[in-house]
C-alpha atoms as a PDB file:
ATOM      1  CA  MET A   1     -31.098 -59.752 -10.809  1.00  0.00           C
ATOM      2  CA  ILE A   2     -28.667 -58.434 -13.361  1.00  0.00           C
ATOM      3  CA  SER A   3     -27.355 -54.968 -12.600  1.00  0.00           C
ATOM      4  CA  GLY A   4     -25.197 -52.617 -14.609  1.00  0.00           C
ATOM      5  CA  ARG A   5     -24.914 -49.223 -16.145  1.00  0.00           C
ATOM      6  CA  LYS A   6     -27.662 -47.967 -18.383  1.00  0.00           C
ATOM      7  CA  ARG A   7     -26.221 -47.634 -21.857  1.00  0.00           C
ATOM      8  CA  VAL A   8     -26.109 -44.112 -23.287  1.00  0.00           C
ATOM      9  CA  LEU A   9     -26.378 -43.986 -27.066  1.00  0.00           C
ATOM     10  CA  LEU A  10     -24.022 -41.741 -29.021  1.00  0.00           C
ATOM     11  CA  THR A  11     -26.382 -39.233 -30.672  1.00  0.00           C
ATOM     12  CA  PRO A  12     -26.361 -35.499 -31.341  1.00  0.00           C
ATOM     13  CA  ASP A  13     -28.665 -35.028 -28.335  1.00  0.00           C
ATOM     14  CA  THR A  14     -26.427 -36.924 -25.934  1.00  0.00           C
ATOM     15  CA  VAL A  15     -23.393 -34.982 -27.153  1.00  0.00           C
ATOM     16  CA  LEU A  16     -25.209 -31.674 -26.718  1.00  0.00           C
ATOM     17  CA  SER A  17     -26.332 -32.706 -23.242  1.00  0.00           C
ATOM     18  CA  ARG A  18     -22.658 -32.526 -22.237  1.00  0.00           C
ATOM     19  CA  ILE A  19     -21.182 -29.794 -24.429  1.00  0.00           C
ATOM     20  CA  SER A  20     -22.690 -26.948 -26.442  1.00  0.00           C
ATOM     21  CA  GLU A  21     -22.807 -26.133 -30.132  1.00  0.00           C
ATOM     22  CA  TYR A  22     -20.444 -23.259 -29.341  1.00  0.00           C
ATOM     23  CA  ASP A  23     -17.937 -25.668 -27.732  1.00  0.00           C
ATOM     24  CA  ILE A  24     -17.864 -27.748 -30.917  1.00  0.00           C
ATOM     25  CA  PHE A  25     -17.426 -24.796 -33.243  1.00  0.00           C
ATOM     26  CA  ARG A  26     -14.765 -23.270 -31.011  1.00  0.00           C
ATOM     27  CA  PHE A  27     -12.775 -26.493 -30.702  1.00  0.00           C
ATOM     28  CA  TYR A  28     -12.611 -27.183 -34.425  1.00  0.00           C
ATOM     29  CA  MET A  29     -12.290 -23.632 -35.779  1.00  0.00           C
ATOM     30  CA  PRO A  30      -8.575 -23.078 -36.530  1.00  0.00           C
ATOM     31  CA  ASP A  31      -8.764 -19.390 -35.608  1.00  0.00           C
ATOM     32  CA  LYS A  32     -10.153 -19.011 -32.088  1.00  0.00           C
ATOM     33  CA  SER A  33     -10.777 -15.259 -32.423  1.00  0.00           C
ATOM     34  CA  TRP A  34     -14.065 -15.641 -34.330  1.00  0.00           C
ATOM     35  CA  LYS A  35     -17.292 -14.304 -32.876  1.00  0.00           C
ATOM     36  CA  ILE A  36     -20.939 -15.174 -33.389  1.00  0.00           C
ATOM     37  CA  ASN A  37     -22.663 -13.125 -36.126  1.00  0.00           C
ATOM     38  CA  ILE A  38     -19.382 -11.561 -37.276  1.00  0.00           C
ATOM     39  CA  SER A  39     -17.785 -12.764 -40.488  1.00  0.00           C
ATOM     40  CA  THR A  40     -14.361 -14.364 -40.260  1.00  0.00           C
ATOM     41  CA  LEU A  41     -11.836 -16.187 -42.434  1.00  0.00           C
ATOM     42  CA  SER A  42     -13.052 -19.486 -43.790  1.00  0.00           C
ATOM     43  CA  PRO A  43     -11.429 -22.624 -42.348  1.00  0.00           C
ATOM     44  CA  PHE A  44     -11.993 -24.317 -45.710  1.00  0.00           C
ATOM     45  CA  ARG A  45      -9.411 -22.299 -47.674  1.00  0.00           C
ATOM     46  CA  ASP A  46      -6.671 -19.702 -47.474  1.00  0.00           C
ATOM     47  CA  GLU A  47      -8.187 -16.267 -47.969  1.00  0.00           C
ATOM     48  CA  LYS A  48      -7.565 -12.612 -47.121  1.00  0.00           C
ATOM     49  CA  ASN A  49     -11.168 -11.386 -47.020  1.00  0.00           C
ATOM     50  CA  PRO A  50     -13.616 -12.906 -44.491  1.00  0.00           C
ATOM     51  CA  SER A  51     -16.358 -14.964 -46.116  1.00  0.00           C
ATOM     52  CA  PHE A  52     -17.390 -17.330 -43.329  1.00  0.00           C
ATOM     53  CA  LEU A  53     -20.086 -16.806 -40.704  1.00  0.00           C
ATOM     54  CA  ILE A  54     -21.251 -18.660 -37.611  1.00  0.00           C
ATOM     55  CA  SER A  55     -24.596 -17.182 -36.612  1.00  0.00           C
ATOM     56  CA  ASN A  56     -27.668 -17.780 -34.475  1.00  0.00           C
ATOM     57  CA  ARG A  57     -30.180 -16.651 -37.088  1.00  0.00           C
ATOM     58  CA  HIS A  58     -32.338 -19.767 -36.556  1.00  0.00           C
ATOM     59  CA  GLY A  59     -32.063 -19.724 -32.772  1.00  0.00           C
ATOM     60  CA  ASN A  60     -29.306 -22.348 -32.853  1.00  0.00           C
ATOM     61  CA  LEU A  61     -25.761 -21.903 -34.084  1.00  0.00           C
ATOM     62  CA  SER A  62     -25.203 -22.594 -37.772  1.00  0.00           C
ATOM     63  CA  TYR A  63     -22.573 -21.666 -40.324  1.00  0.00           C
ATOM     64  CA  ILE A  64     -22.346 -20.642 -43.942  1.00  0.00           C
ATOM     65  CA  ASP A  65     -19.449 -20.065 -46.293  1.00  0.00           C
ATOM     66  CA  PHE A  66     -20.487 -17.294 -48.687  1.00  0.00           C
ATOM     67  CA  THR A  67     -17.847 -18.240 -51.243  1.00  0.00           C
ATOM     68  CA  ASP A  68     -19.185 -21.791 -51.440  1.00  0.00           C
ATOM     69  CA  THR A  69     -22.713 -21.940 -50.029  1.00  0.00           C
ATOM     70  CA  ASN A  70     -22.678 -25.755 -50.175  1.00  0.00           C
ATOM     71  CA  LEU A  71     -20.603 -25.394 -47.019  1.00  0.00           C
ATOM     72  CA  ARG A  72     -23.349 -24.700 -44.501  1.00  0.00           C
ATOM     73  CA  GLY A  73     -25.249 -26.331 -41.665  1.00  0.00           C
ATOM     74  CA  ASN A  74     -25.065 -27.028 -37.936  1.00  0.00           C
ATOM     75  CA  CYS A  75     -22.063 -27.839 -35.753  1.00  0.00           C
ATOM     76  CA  PHE A  76     -22.095 -31.538 -36.711  1.00  0.00           C
ATOM     77  CA  THR A  77     -22.235 -30.790 -40.428  1.00  0.00           C
ATOM     78  CA  PHE A  78     -19.332 -28.389 -39.887  1.00  0.00           C
ATOM     79  CA  VAL A  79     -17.130 -31.124 -38.441  1.00  0.00           C
ATOM     80  CA  LYS A  80     -18.240 -33.540 -41.166  1.00  0.00           C
ATOM     81  CA  GLN A  81     -17.325 -31.129 -43.976  1.00  0.00           C
ATOM     82  CA  LEU A  82     -14.150 -29.841 -42.322  1.00  0.00           C
ATOM     83  CA  TYR A  83     -12.714 -33.357 -41.938  1.00  0.00           C
ATOM     84  CA  ASN A  84     -14.419 -34.856 -44.983  1.00  0.00           C
ATOM     85  CA  LEU A  85     -16.074 -37.553 -42.888  1.00  0.00           C
ATOM     86  CA  SER A  86     -18.486 -39.997 -44.470  1.00  0.00           C
ATOM     87  CA  SER A  87     -21.262 -40.155 -41.877  1.00  0.00           C
ATOM     88  CA  LEU A  88     -22.802 -38.509 -38.829  1.00  0.00           C
ATOM     89  CA  ASP A  89     -21.684 -41.500 -36.770  1.00  0.00           C
ATOM     90  CA  ASP A  90     -18.059 -40.743 -37.672  1.00  0.00           C
ATOM     91  CA  VAL A  91     -18.602 -37.125 -36.645  1.00  0.00           C
ATOM     92  CA  LEU A  92     -20.051 -38.089 -33.274  1.00  0.00           C
ATOM     93  CA  LYS A  93     -17.227 -40.545 -32.582  1.00  0.00           C
ATOM     94  CA  LEU A  94     -14.633 -37.868 -33.371  1.00  0.00           C
ATOM     95  CA  ILE A  95     -16.266 -35.305 -31.073  1.00  0.00           C
ATOM     96  CA  ASP A  96     -16.735 -37.931 -28.344  1.00  0.00           C
ATOM     97  CA  ARG A  97     -13.032 -38.802 -28.535  1.00  0.00           C
ATOM     98  CA  ASP A  98     -11.658 -35.258 -28.809  1.00  0.00           C
ATOM     99  CA  PHE A  99     -13.694 -33.979 -25.851  1.00  0.00           C
ATOM    100  CA  SER A 100     -13.233 -37.218 -23.837  1.00  0.00           C
ATOM    101  CA  LEU A 101     -16.982 -37.423 -23.255  1.00  0.00           C
ATOM    102  CA  GLY A 102     -16.875 -41.198 -22.700  1.00  0.00           C
ATOM    103  CA  ILE A 103     -20.219 -41.844 -24.402  1.00  0.00           C
ATOM    104  CA  SER A 104     -18.900 -44.499 -26.806  1.00  0.00           C
ATOM    105  CA  LYS A 105     -17.171 -46.360 -23.966  1.00  0.00           C
ATOM    106  CA  GLY A 106     -20.241 -46.246 -21.785  1.00  0.00           C
ATOM    107  CA  VAL A 107     -18.321 -44.468 -19.018  1.00  0.00           C
ATOM    108  CA  LEU A 108     -19.217 -40.774 -18.919  1.00  0.00           C
ATOM    109  CA  THR A 109     -16.434 -38.507 -17.733  1.00  0.00           C
ATOM    110  CA  ASP A 110     -16.010 -34.830 -16.896  1.00  0.00           C
ATOM    111  CA  GLU A 111     -12.730 -34.580 -18.774  1.00  0.00           C
ATOM    112  CA  PHE A 112     -14.350 -32.220 -21.309  1.00  0.00           C
ATOM    113  CA  LYS A 113     -14.554 -29.551 -18.594  1.00  0.00           C
ATOM    114  CA  LYS A 114     -10.786 -29.124 -18.824  1.00  0.00           C
ATOM    115  CA  ILE A 115     -11.418 -27.777 -22.332  1.00  0.00           C
ATOM    116  CA  THR A 116     -14.578 -25.739 -21.751  1.00  0.00           C
ATOM    117  CA  LYS A 117     -13.431 -24.049 -18.541  1.00  0.00           C
ATOM    118  CA  GLU A 118     -10.816 -22.117 -20.530  1.00  0.00           C
ATOM    119  CA  TYR A 119     -13.455 -19.753 -21.950  1.00  0.00           C
ATOM    120  CA  LYS A 120     -16.942 -18.396 -21.285  1.00  0.00           C
ATOM    121  CA  GLN A 121     -20.015 -19.302 -23.259  1.00  0.00           C
ATOM    122  CA  PRO A 122     -21.075 -16.141 -25.140  1.00  0.00           C
ATOM    123  CA  GLU A 123     -24.616 -14.947 -24.534  1.00  0.00           C
ATOM    124  CA  GLU A 124     -25.352 -15.196 -28.269  1.00  0.00           C
ATOM    125  CA  SER A 125     -24.726 -18.944 -28.308  1.00  0.00           C
ATOM    126  CA  GLY A 126     -28.034 -19.798 -26.665  1.00  0.00           C
ATOM    127  CA  LYS A 127     -31.520 -19.756 -28.083  1.00  0.00           C
ATOM    128  CA  ARG A 128     -32.101 -16.356 -29.574  1.00  0.00           C
ATOM    129  CA  TYR A 129     -35.831 -16.165 -29.872  1.00  0.00           C
ATOM    130  CA  SER A 130     -37.368 -15.296 -26.521  1.00  0.00           C
ATOM    131  CA  LEU A 131     -41.051 -14.535 -26.064  1.00  0.00           C
ATOM    132  CA  ILE A 132     -41.747 -10.792 -26.174  1.00  0.00           C
ATOM    133  CA  GLN A 133     -45.249  -9.441 -25.554  1.00  0.00           C
ATOM    134  CA  VAL A 134     -46.037  -5.759 -25.921  1.00  0.00           C
ATOM    135  CA  GLN A 135     -48.911  -3.638 -24.655  1.00  0.00           C
ATOM    136  CA  THR A 136     -49.249  -0.671 -26.994  1.00  0.00           C
ATOM    137  CA  GLN A 137     -50.751   2.751 -26.420  1.00  0.00           C
ATOM    138  CA  LYS A 138     -51.500   5.944 -28.328  1.00  0.00           C
ATOM    139  CA  PHE A 139     -48.544   8.121 -29.298  1.00  0.00           C
ATOM    140  CA  ASN A 140     -48.066  11.095 -27.012  1.00  0.00           C
ATOM    141  CA  ASN A 141     -46.800  14.517 -28.088  1.00  0.00           C
ATOM    142  CA  GLU A 142     -43.196  13.800 -27.112  1.00  0.00           C
ATOM    143  CA  GLU A 143     -43.126  10.605 -29.167  1.00  0.00           C
ATOM    144  CA  LEU A 144     -44.686  12.247 -32.208  1.00  0.00           C
ATOM    145  CA  LYS A 145     -42.262  15.151 -31.906  1.00  0.00           C
ATOM    146  CA  TYR A 146     -39.359  12.712 -32.024  1.00  0.00           C
ATOM    147  CA  TRP A 147     -40.568  11.163 -35.273  1.00  0.00           C
ATOM    148  CA  ASN A 148     -41.656  14.473 -36.789  1.00  0.00           C
ATOM    149  CA  ALA A 149     -38.006  15.540 -36.606  1.00  0.00           C
ATOM    150  CA  TYR A 150     -37.301  12.715 -39.060  1.00  0.00           C
ATOM    151  CA  HIS A 151     -40.193  13.814 -41.304  1.00  0.00           C
ATOM    152  CA  GLN A 152     -42.448  10.965 -40.187  1.00  0.00           C
ATOM    153  CA  ASN A 153     -46.096  11.500 -39.228  1.00  0.00           C
ATOM    154  CA  ILE A 154     -48.491   9.190 -37.445  1.00  0.00           C
ATOM    155  CA  GLU A 155     -49.632   7.585 -40.718  1.00  0.00           C
ATOM    156  CA  ASP A 156     -46.011   6.780 -41.576  1.00  0.00           C
ATOM    157  CA  LEU A 157     -45.599   5.127 -38.186  1.00  0.00           C
ATOM    158  CA  ARG A 158     -48.734   3.034 -38.640  1.00  0.00           C
ATOM    159  CA  ASN A 159     -47.765   2.019 -42.162  1.00  0.00           C
ATOM    160  CA  ASN A 160     -44.363   0.855 -40.946  1.00  0.00           C
ATOM    161  CA  ASN A 161     -45.544  -1.027 -37.850  1.00  0.00           C
ATOM    162  CA  VAL A 162     -43.993   1.374 -35.357  1.00  0.00           C
ATOM    163  CA  TYR A 163     -45.848   1.538 -32.032  1.00  0.00           C
ATOM    164  CA  ALA A 164     -45.859   3.525 -28.838  1.00  0.00           C
ATOM    165  CA  ILE A 165     -45.580   1.044 -25.989  1.00  0.00           C
ATOM    166  CA  ARG A 166     -46.931   0.960 -22.457  1.00  0.00           C
ATOM    167  CA  LYS A 167     -45.494  -2.314 -21.160  1.00  0.00           C
ATOM    168  CA  VAL A 168     -43.154  -5.028 -22.396  1.00  0.00           C
ATOM    169  CA  TYR A 169     -43.050  -8.608 -21.122  1.00  0.00           C
ATOM    170  CA  LEU A 170     -39.966 -10.754 -21.744  1.00  0.00           C
ATOM    171  CA  ASN A 171     -40.676 -14.462 -21.275  1.00  0.00           C
ATOM    172  CA  LYS A 172     -43.896 -13.429 -19.493  1.00  0.00           C
ATOM    173  CA  LYS A 173     -42.079 -11.247 -16.955  1.00  0.00           C
ATOM    174  CA  LEU A 174     -42.462  -7.460 -16.940  1.00  0.00           C
ATOM    175  CA  PHE A 175     -39.401  -5.837 -18.487  1.00  0.00           C
ATOM    176  CA  SER A 176     -38.390  -2.667 -16.648  1.00  0.00           C
ATOM    177  CA  PHE A 177     -37.195   0.528 -18.320  1.00  0.00           C
ATOM    178  CA  PRO A 178     -35.702   3.667 -16.779  1.00  0.00           C
ATOM    179  CA  ASP A 179     -38.340   6.194 -15.787  1.00  0.00           C
ATOM    180  CA  ASN A 180     -39.605   8.352 -18.661  1.00  0.00           C
ATOM    181  CA  GLU A 181     -37.300   6.668 -21.193  1.00  0.00           C
ATOM    182  CA  LEU A 182     -38.400   7.204 -24.801  1.00  0.00           C
ATOM    183  CA  LYS A 183     -39.082   3.824 -26.408  1.00  0.00           C
ATOM    184  CA  PHE A 184     -40.896   2.375 -29.410  1.00  0.00           C
ATOM    185  CA  GLY A 185     -41.880  -1.061 -30.606  1.00  0.00           C
ATOM    186  CA  TYR A 186     -41.076  -2.333 -34.116  1.00  0.00           C
ATOM    187  CA  TYR A 187     -43.333  -5.238 -35.029  1.00  0.00           C
ATOM    188  CA  TYR A 188     -42.327  -7.967 -37.509  1.00  0.00           C
ATOM    189  CA  ASP A 189     -44.860 -10.757 -38.048  1.00  0.00           C
ATOM    190  CA  GLY A 190     -45.050 -11.952 -34.450  1.00  0.00           C
ATOM    191  CA  TYR A 191     -41.658 -10.616 -33.348  1.00  0.00           C
ATOM    192  CA  TRP A 192     -40.717  -7.383 -31.593  1.00  0.00           C
ATOM    193  CA  LYS A 193     -37.696  -5.110 -31.558  1.00  0.00           C
ATOM    194  CA  ILE A 194     -37.797  -2.420 -28.879  1.00  0.00           C
ATOM    195  CA  TYR A 195     -36.055   0.767 -30.000  1.00  0.00           C
ATOM    196  CA  ARG A 196     -34.732   3.003 -27.227  1.00  0.00           C
ATOM    197  CA  PRO A 197     -33.140   5.910 -29.139  1.00  0.00           C
ATOM    198  CA  PHE A 198     -31.346   7.498 -26.184  1.00  0.00           C
ATOM    199  CA  ALA A 199     -30.104   4.346 -24.459  1.00  0.00           C
ATOM    200  CA  ASP A 200     -26.474   3.247 -24.636  1.00  0.00           C
ATOM    201  CA  LYS A 201     -25.354   1.048 -27.487  1.00  0.00           C
ATOM    202  CA  LYS A 202     -25.758  -2.181 -25.504  1.00  0.00           C
ATOM    203  CA  HIS A 203     -29.385  -1.497 -24.586  1.00  0.00           C
ATOM    204  CA  LYS A 204     -30.587   0.513 -27.580  1.00  0.00           C
ATOM    205  CA  TRP A 205     -32.308  -2.485 -29.191  1.00  0.00           C
ATOM    206  CA  MET A 206     -33.366  -4.439 -26.133  1.00  0.00           C
ATOM    207  CA  PRO A 207     -35.332  -6.603 -25.870  1.00  0.00           C
ATOM    208  CA  ASN A 208     -35.330  -7.911 -29.421  1.00  0.00           C
ATOM    209  CA  ASN A 209     -36.358 -11.282 -30.851  1.00  0.00           C
ATOM    210  CA  VAL A 210     -36.679 -10.292 -34.522  1.00  0.00           C
ATOM    211  CA  PRO A 211     -34.957 -12.808 -36.839  1.00  0.00           C
ATOM    212  CA  ILE A 212     -31.736 -11.323 -38.179  1.00  0.00           C
ATOM    213  CA  THR A 213     -32.854 -11.939 -41.775  1.00  0.00           C
ATOM    214  CA  SER A 214     -36.116  -9.942 -41.491  1.00  0.00           C
ATOM    215  CA  MET A 215     -36.369  -7.074 -43.954  1.00  0.00           C
ATOM    216  CA  ASP A 216     -38.388  -3.870 -44.048  1.00  0.00           C
ATOM    217  CA  GLY A 217     -39.882  -3.011 -47.428  1.00  0.00           C
ATOM    218  CA  LYS A 218     -39.285  -6.351 -49.095  1.00  0.00           C
ATOM    219  CA  ASP A 219     -42.516  -5.935 -51.037  1.00  0.00           C
ATOM    220  CA  ASP A 220     -41.232  -2.600 -52.372  1.00  0.00           C
ATOM    221  CA  ILE A 221     -38.479  -4.436 -54.241  1.00  0.00           C
ATOM    222  CA  LYS A 222     -40.207  -5.903 -57.275  1.00  0.00           C
ATOM    223  CA  ASP A 223     -39.223  -5.398 -60.908  1.00  0.00           C
ATOM    224  CA  CYS A 224     -36.909  -2.522 -59.915  1.00  0.00           C
ATOM    225  CA  ASP A 225     -34.028  -1.038 -61.846  1.00  0.00           C
ATOM    226  CA  VAL A 226     -32.330  -0.247 -58.523  1.00  0.00           C
ATOM    227  CA  ALA A 227     -32.918  -1.685 -55.045  1.00  0.00           C
ATOM    228  CA  PHE A 228     -31.687   0.687 -52.332  1.00  0.00           C
ATOM    229  CA  ILE A 229     -30.763  -1.293 -49.194  1.00  0.00           C
ATOM    230  CA  ASN A 230     -30.624   0.512 -45.842  1.00  0.00           C
ATOM    231  CA  LYS A 231     -29.344  -0.716 -42.476  1.00  0.00           C
ATOM    232  CA  SER A 232     -32.269   0.383 -40.284  1.00  0.00           C
ATOM    233  CA  LYS A 233     -36.012   0.925 -40.277  1.00  0.00           C
ATOM    234  CA  LYS A 234     -35.612   4.661 -39.645  1.00  0.00           C
ATOM    235  CA  ASP A 235     -33.279   5.135 -42.631  1.00  0.00           C
ATOM    236  CA  TYR A 236     -35.688   3.085 -44.729  1.00  0.00           C
ATOM    237  CA  MET A 237     -38.635   5.275 -43.712  1.00  0.00           C
ATOM    238  CA  VAL A 238     -36.714   8.429 -44.655  1.00  0.00           C
ATOM    239  CA  ILE A 239     -35.408   7.165 -47.996  1.00  0.00           C
ATOM    240  CA  LYS A 240     -38.782   5.706 -48.958  1.00  0.00           C
ATOM    241  CA  LYS A 241     -40.240   9.213 -49.156  1.00  0.00           C
ATOM    242  CA  ILE A 242     -37.811   9.982 -51.984  1.00  0.00           C
ATOM    243  CA  PHE A 243     -36.870   6.626 -53.495  1.00  0.00           C
ATOM    244  CA  PRO A 244     -39.734   4.079 -53.506  1.00  0.00           C
ATOM    245  CA  CYS A 245     -37.725   0.943 -54.369  1.00  0.00           C
ATOM    246  CA  THR A 246     -36.012   0.707 -51.014  1.00  0.00           C
ATOM    247  CA  CYS A 247     -35.744  -1.772 -48.162  1.00  0.00           C
ATOM    248  CA  ALA A 248     -33.809  -2.272 -44.940  1.00  0.00           C
ATOM    249  CA  VAL A 249     -32.023  -5.085 -43.148  1.00  0.00           C
ATOM    250  CA  GLN A 250     -31.664  -5.411 -39.367  1.00  0.00           C
ATOM    251  CA  ASN A 251     -28.116  -4.109 -38.971  1.00  0.00           C
ATOM    252  CA  GLU A 252     -24.783  -3.733 -40.753  1.00  0.00           C
ATOM    253  CA  GLY A 253     -23.792  -7.378 -40.362  1.00  0.00           C
ATOM    254  CA  VAL A 254     -23.414  -9.928 -43.121  1.00  0.00           C
ATOM    255  CA  ALA A 255     -25.753 -12.302 -41.245  1.00  0.00           C
ATOM    256  CA  CYS A 256     -28.712 -10.243 -42.490  1.00  0.00           C
ATOM    257  CA  PHE A 257     -27.975 -11.325 -46.038  1.00  0.00           C
ATOM    258  CA  SER A 258     -29.202 -14.882 -46.143  1.00  0.00           C
ATOM    259  CA  GLU A 259     -29.016 -16.780 -49.411  1.00  0.00           C
ATOM    260  CA  GLU A 260     -32.781 -16.321 -49.720  1.00  0.00           C
ATOM    261  CA  ASN A 261     -32.587 -12.541 -49.207  1.00  0.00           C
ATOM    262  CA  VAL A 262     -29.749 -12.073 -51.670  1.00  0.00           C
ATOM    263  CA  LYS A 263     -31.520 -14.191 -54.286  1.00  0.00           C
ATOM    264  CA  TYR A 264     -34.704 -12.164 -53.802  1.00  0.00           C
ATOM    265  CA  LEU A 265     -32.897  -8.848 -54.236  1.00  0.00           C
ATOM    266  CA  LYS A 266     -31.018 -10.064 -57.304  1.00  0.00           C
ATOM    267  CA  THR A 267     -34.152 -11.511 -58.885  1.00  0.00           C
ATOM    268  CA  ASN A 268     -36.284  -8.426 -58.331  1.00  0.00           C
ATOM    269  CA  SER A 269     -33.822  -5.676 -59.239  1.00  0.00           C
ATOM    270  CA  LYS A 270     -31.242  -5.057 -61.921  1.00  0.00           C
ATOM    271  CA  LYS A 271     -28.868  -3.285 -59.544  1.00  0.00           C
ATOM    272  CA  GLN A 272     -28.491  -3.331 -55.775  1.00  0.00           C
ATOM    273  CA  ILE A 273     -27.122  -0.378 -53.812  1.00  0.00           C
ATOM    274  CA  LEU A 274     -26.114  -0.876 -50.200  1.00  0.00           C
ATOM    275  CA  SER A 275     -26.212   2.071 -47.810  1.00  0.00           C
ATOM    276  CA  PHE A 276     -24.656   1.770 -44.348  1.00  0.00           C
ATOM    277  CA  ASP A 277     -23.278   4.404 -41.989  1.00  0.00           C
ATOM    278  CA  SER A 278     -20.454   6.586 -43.295  1.00  0.00           C
ATOM    279  CA  ASP A 279     -18.235   6.043 -40.248  1.00  0.00           C
ATOM    280  CA  VAL A 280     -15.267   3.646 -40.322  1.00  0.00           C
ATOM    281  CA  THR A 281     -17.293   0.617 -39.227  1.00  0.00           C
ATOM    282  CA  GLY A 282     -20.029   1.304 -41.749  1.00  0.00           C
ATOM    283  CA  VAL A 283     -17.574   1.726 -44.607  1.00  0.00           C
ATOM    284  CA  VAL A 284     -15.701  -1.492 -43.734  1.00  0.00           C
ATOM    285  CA  ASN A 285     -18.974  -3.430 -43.552  1.00  0.00           C
ATOM    286  CA  SER A 286     -20.150  -1.890 -46.835  1.00  0.00           C
ATOM    287  CA  GLN A 287     -16.967  -2.893 -48.607  1.00  0.00           C
ATOM    288  CA  GLN A 288     -17.109  -6.435 -47.273  1.00  0.00           C
ATOM    289  CA  ILE A 289     -20.754  -7.076 -48.141  1.00  0.00           C
ATOM    290  CA  THR A 290     -20.690  -5.369 -51.537  1.00  0.00           C
ATOM    291  CA  LYS A 291     -17.724  -7.524 -52.490  1.00  0.00           C
ATOM    292  CA  LEU A 292     -19.408 -10.720 -51.292  1.00  0.00           C
ATOM    293  CA  PHE A 293     -22.636 -10.125 -53.202  1.00  0.00           C
ATOM    294  CA  ASP A 294     -21.561  -7.830 -56.025  1.00  0.00           C
ATOM    295  CA  PHE A 295     -23.598  -4.877 -54.750  1.00  0.00           C
ATOM    296  CA  ASP A 296     -22.832  -1.205 -55.285  1.00  0.00           C
ATOM    297  CA  TYR A 297     -22.988   1.190 -52.377  1.00  0.00           C
ATOM    298  CA  CYS A 298     -23.954   4.781 -51.667  1.00  0.00           C
ATOM    299  CA  ASN A 299     -23.413   6.060 -48.130  1.00  0.00           C
ATOM    300  CA  VAL A 300     -24.076   9.494 -46.679  1.00  0.00           C
ATOM    301  CA  PRO A 301     -21.181  11.805 -47.692  1.00  0.00           C
ATOM    302  CA  ARG A 302     -18.353  11.595 -45.154  1.00  0.00           C
ATOM    303  CA  LYS A 303     -18.094  15.387 -45.015  1.00  0.00           C
ATOM    304  CA  TYR A 304     -21.082  15.361 -42.661  1.00  0.00           C
ATOM    305  CA  LEU A 305     -19.367  13.205 -40.028  1.00  0.00           C
ATOM    306  CA  SER A 306     -17.950  16.312 -38.344  1.00  0.00           C
ATOM    307  CA  GLU A 307     -21.557  17.386 -37.699  1.00  0.00           C
ATOM    308  CA  GLY A 308     -22.475  14.043 -36.145  1.00  0.00           C
ATOM    309  CA  ILE A 309     -24.300  12.859 -39.277  1.00  0.00           C
ATOM    310  CA  LYS A 310     -23.560   9.342 -40.464  1.00  0.00           C
ATOM    311  CA  ASP A 311     -26.905   8.051 -41.770  1.00  0.00           C
ATOM    312  CA  TRP A 312     -29.878   9.197 -43.845  1.00  0.00           C
ATOM    313  CA  ALA A 313     -32.166   9.695 -40.861  1.00  0.00           C
ATOM    314  CA  ASP A 314     -29.831  12.170 -39.200  1.00  0.00           C
ATOM    315  CA  LEU A 315     -29.147  13.889 -42.515  1.00  0.00           C
ATOM    316  CA  ALA A 316     -32.903  14.389 -42.940  1.00  0.00           C
ATOM    317  CA  ARG A 317     -33.268  15.674 -39.386  1.00  0.00           C
ATOM    318  CA  ILE A 318     -30.383  18.136 -39.542  1.00  0.00           C
ATOM    319  CA  LYS A 319     -30.152  19.134 -43.202  1.00  0.00           C
ATOM    320  CA  GLY A 320     -33.638  18.342 -44.511  1.00  0.00           C
ATOM    321  CA  MET A 321     -35.091  15.966 -47.073  1.00  0.00           C
ATOM    322  CA  LYS A 322     -34.108  18.203 -49.966  1.00  0.00           C
ATOM    323  CA  THR A 323     -30.428  17.616 -49.170  1.00  0.00           C
ATOM    324  CA  ILE A 324     -30.929  13.880 -49.573  1.00  0.00           C
ATOM    325  CA  GLU A 325     -32.930  14.331 -52.753  1.00  0.00           C
ATOM    326  CA  ASN A 326     -30.235  16.537 -54.304  1.00  0.00           C
ATOM    327  CA  TYR A 327     -27.535  14.041 -53.382  1.00  0.00           C
ATOM    328  CA  LEU A 328     -29.401  11.108 -54.929  1.00  0.00           C
ATOM    329  CA  ILE A 329     -29.914  13.187 -58.069  1.00  0.00           C
ATOM    330  CA  LYS A 330     -26.180  13.878 -58.126  1.00  0.00           C
ATOM    331  CA  LYS A 331     -25.542  10.122 -57.852  1.00  0.00           C
ATOM    332  CA  ASN A 332     -27.951   9.530 -60.799  1.00  0.00           C
ATOM    333  CA  LEU A 333     -30.357   7.565 -58.628  1.00  0.00           C
ATOM    334  CA  LEU A 334     -33.270   9.945 -59.215  1.00  0.00           C
END
């Protein structure tokens, strides 16, 4: 009888059985301060303004360089393009060597743990799309009162796929909420985002498996002179009552603006106006994204920040819809 070790082939799967996509990106990114879903400086050139993104929009980590969108793909493509390698086999051999995985030599080692133990795997690096199941119910008076304050009635909620929810199951297990917490379900073609308006920032949109590139009101942007782009469903619902050619992305991050989404907006409108929060973070994100995609922007006037107003929904709630209408007229949008 001939005995010996079972040969392990050097493939993407065998590499990823030992280290993660995040490990590969982190090892080869020159600047180690980057974060998932937050734009950073491109490793492919010297630049002052971030134009590079590593995101989990497809459930796995991938990257895109918005200055040169030919630079995009998974962690293996990243190494291939960064080092100008000729084949996937060359990429796998480089990773195998640099992490001391031992796959090519047929002697697997744990040497790679000396590298990976220096940092924690971020939660965002795993599969993003969990199973969320929602049991809905009729809106009660408290829930309708909340939305009425934003000038939304029950027909508006139905038209925008906003639901009152009884129970939520995450990966088939009941998800618990604090007693009597106000919560709503936003439904997007098989995906759910749970909105908890009075929760802290970390839990306000939890659970959530909606793809980052999903858009509200995409069908409202067709043959428009101006496409007005909001950063949330609630802002979109408010603005839509005044300005019909409007839509909304999932948040203020650049990851929302896939190549497909940007192309759609550019094709279906002559001008694109981005509208994020008027606080410091919102303004910085507005400036970054408008520069990347040649958008204009129109945020809520900063003078309202002292009153706790930084978006269109709160402006409608506190100052009324007429205030928004007058401002858009002043900006020559109406």
